[in-house]
Amino acid sequence: QVQVVESGGGCVQAGDSLRLSCAVSGSTFSSFSIGWYRQVPGKQRELVATIRSTGSTNYATSVKGRGTISRDNAKNTVYLQMSSLKPEDTAVNYCCARIGGYLDIWGQGTLVTVSS
């Protein structure tokens, strides 16, 4: 059974940096595509960044140049490094593991609050 656990959220000041971690259980982690999403109350969940098993990455326009997604297959963990944080980055950040190209397993989310 695959489980996804996010960590690393917290309260920061505008301009600060933060690294989120997504730990995924499962022996075939290296074959999973992993995505980071975020959601503000009252709004739809939106894509932040994804990383495939090949290591190829994709970013939302809103975080390009400020976000870096990476993976450590030895640790079954994906990271999202965010810099130059803005108040509008305040959201609950979710990690999603896509298995076999069709099965999505979500974590419980981690809150990032950016104050001005």
Protein backbone atom coordinates (compact mmCIF):
# COMPACT_ATOMS: atom_id res chain seq x y z
CA GLN A 1 0.00 0.00 0.00
CA VAL A 2 1.41 3.35 -1.05
CA GLN A 3 1.26 6.24 1.39
CA VAL A 4 2.21 9.85 0.84
CA VAL A 5 3.31 12.15 3.66
CA GLU A 6 4.18 15.82 3.22
CA SER A 7 6.26 17.88 5.61
CA GLY A 8 8.16 21.13 5.78
CA GLY A 9 5.34 23.67 5.81
CA GLY A 10 5.27 26.57 8.20
CA CYS A 11 5.09 30.32 8.63
CA VAL A 12 7.65 32.44 6.82
CA GLN A 13 8.19 36.03 5.78
CA ALA A 14 7.89 37.30 2.22
CA GLY A 15 11.18 36.78 0.44
CA ASP A 16 12.11 33.72 2.48
CA SER A 17 12.77 30.23 1.17
CA LEU A 18 11.24 26.94 2.20
CA ARG A 19 11.73 23.28 1.30
CA LEU A 20 8.81 20.91 1.30
CA SER A 21 9.32 17.16 1.44
CA CYS A 22 7.11 14.37 0.17
CA ALA A 23 7.89 10.91 1.50
CA VAL A 24 6.31 8.05 -0.42
CA SER A 25 6.22 4.45 0.72
CA GLY A 26 6.45 1.70 -1.85
CA SER A 27 9.25 -0.30 -3.37
CA THR A 28 8.65 1.01 -6.89
CA PHE A 29 8.93 4.70 -5.98
CA SER A 30 11.39 5.35 -8.78
CA SER A 31 8.69 4.53 -11.33
CA PHE A 32 6.17 7.03 -9.91
CA SER A 33 5.48 10.47 -11.26
CA ILE A 34 5.13 12.91 -8.38
CA GLY A 35 3.35 16.22 -8.36
CA TRP A 36 3.08 19.11 -5.95
CA TYR A 37 -0.23 20.97 -5.88
CA ARG A 38 -1.57 23.76 -3.72
CA GLN A 39 -4.97 24.97 -2.67
CA VAL A 40 -6.28 28.15 -1.15
CA PRO A 41 -9.64 27.89 0.67
CA GLY A 42 -12.45 28.59 -1.75
CA LYS A 43 -10.30 28.00 -4.81
CA GLN A 44 -9.48 25.01 -6.95
CA ARG A 45 -6.40 22.95 -6.31
CA GLU A 46 -3.69 23.97 -8.76
CA LEU A 47 -0.56 22.33 -10.06
CA VAL A 48 2.74 23.68 -8.79
CA ALA A 49 5.31 21.28 -10.23
CA THR A 50 5.75 17.70 -11.36
CA ILE A 51 8.66 15.34 -11.76
CA ARG A 52 8.56 12.13 -13.76
CA SER A 53 10.44 8.91 -13.22
CA THR A 54 12.88 10.09 -15.88
CA GLY A 55 13.61 13.20 -13.86
CA SER A 56 11.94 15.55 -16.29
CA THR A 57 10.16 18.42 -14.60
CA ASN A 58 7.31 20.81 -15.26
CA TYR A 59 6.37 24.00 -13.43
CA ALA A 60 3.38 26.27 -13.18
CA THR A 61 4.01 29.72 -14.57
CA SER A 62 3.42 31.22 -11.12
CA VAL A 63 6.46 29.44 -9.63
CA LYS A 64 8.86 29.26 -12.59
CA GLY A 65 12.21 30.61 -11.56
CA ARG A 66 11.29 30.39 -7.87
CA GLY A 67 10.61 26.68 -7.45
CA THR A 68 12.72 23.58 -7.93
CA ILE A 69 11.35 20.07 -7.73
CA SER A 70 13.74 17.19 -7.25
CA ARG A 71 13.68 13.57 -6.20
CA ASP A 72 15.90 11.24 -4.23
CA ASN A 73 14.95 7.71 -5.18
CA ALA A 74 17.20 6.24 -2.49
CA LYS A 75 15.10 8.03 0.12
CA ASN A 76 11.73 7.68 -1.62
CA THR A 77 11.35 11.43 -1.30
CA VAL A 78 10.52 14.34 -3.56
CA TYR A 79 11.41 17.88 -2.60
CA LEU A 80 10.00 21.24 -3.58
CA GLN A 81 12.37 24.10 -2.91
CA MET A 82 10.64 27.47 -3.04
CA SER A 83 12.41 30.80 -2.89
CA SER A 84 11.34 34.46 -2.94
CA LEU A 85 8.07 33.46 -1.34
CA LYS A 86 5.14 35.84 -1.67
CA PRO A 87 1.97 36.22 0.41
CA GLU A 88 0.03 34.79 -2.54
CA ASP A 89 1.99 31.56 -2.11
CA THR A 90 0.04 30.97 1.10
CA ALA A 91 -1.79 27.67 0.63
CA VAL A 92 -2.05 24.07 1.68
CA ASN A 93 0.48 22.16 -0.41
CA TYR A 94 -0.33 18.61 -1.42
CA CYS A 95 1.86 15.88 -2.86
CA CYS A 96 0.44 13.32 -5.25
CA ALA A 97 2.03 10.09 -6.39
CA ARG A 98 0.82 8.82 -9.75
CA ILE A 99 1.15 5.07 -10.05
CA GLY A 100 0.99 3.23 -13.33
CA GLY A 101 0.00 6.43 -15.07
CA TYR A 102 -3.54 6.43 -13.72
CA LEU A 103 -3.78 5.89 -9.93
CA ASP A 104 -3.30 9.02 -7.82
CA ILE A 105 -2.41 8.75 -4.14
CA TRP A 106 -2.62 12.04 -2.22
CA GLY A 107 -1.07 13.13 1.02
CA GLN A 108 -2.81 15.07 3.77
CA GLY A 109 -1.19 18.37 2.87
CA THR A 110 1.13 20.81 4.60
CA LEU A 111 0.30 24.47 5.17
CA VAL A 112 2.60 27.25 4.03
CA THR A 113 1.81 30.73 5.30
CA VAL A 114 3.72 33.69 3.92
CA SER A 115 3.35 37.00 5.71
CA SER A 116 4.22 40.37 4.24
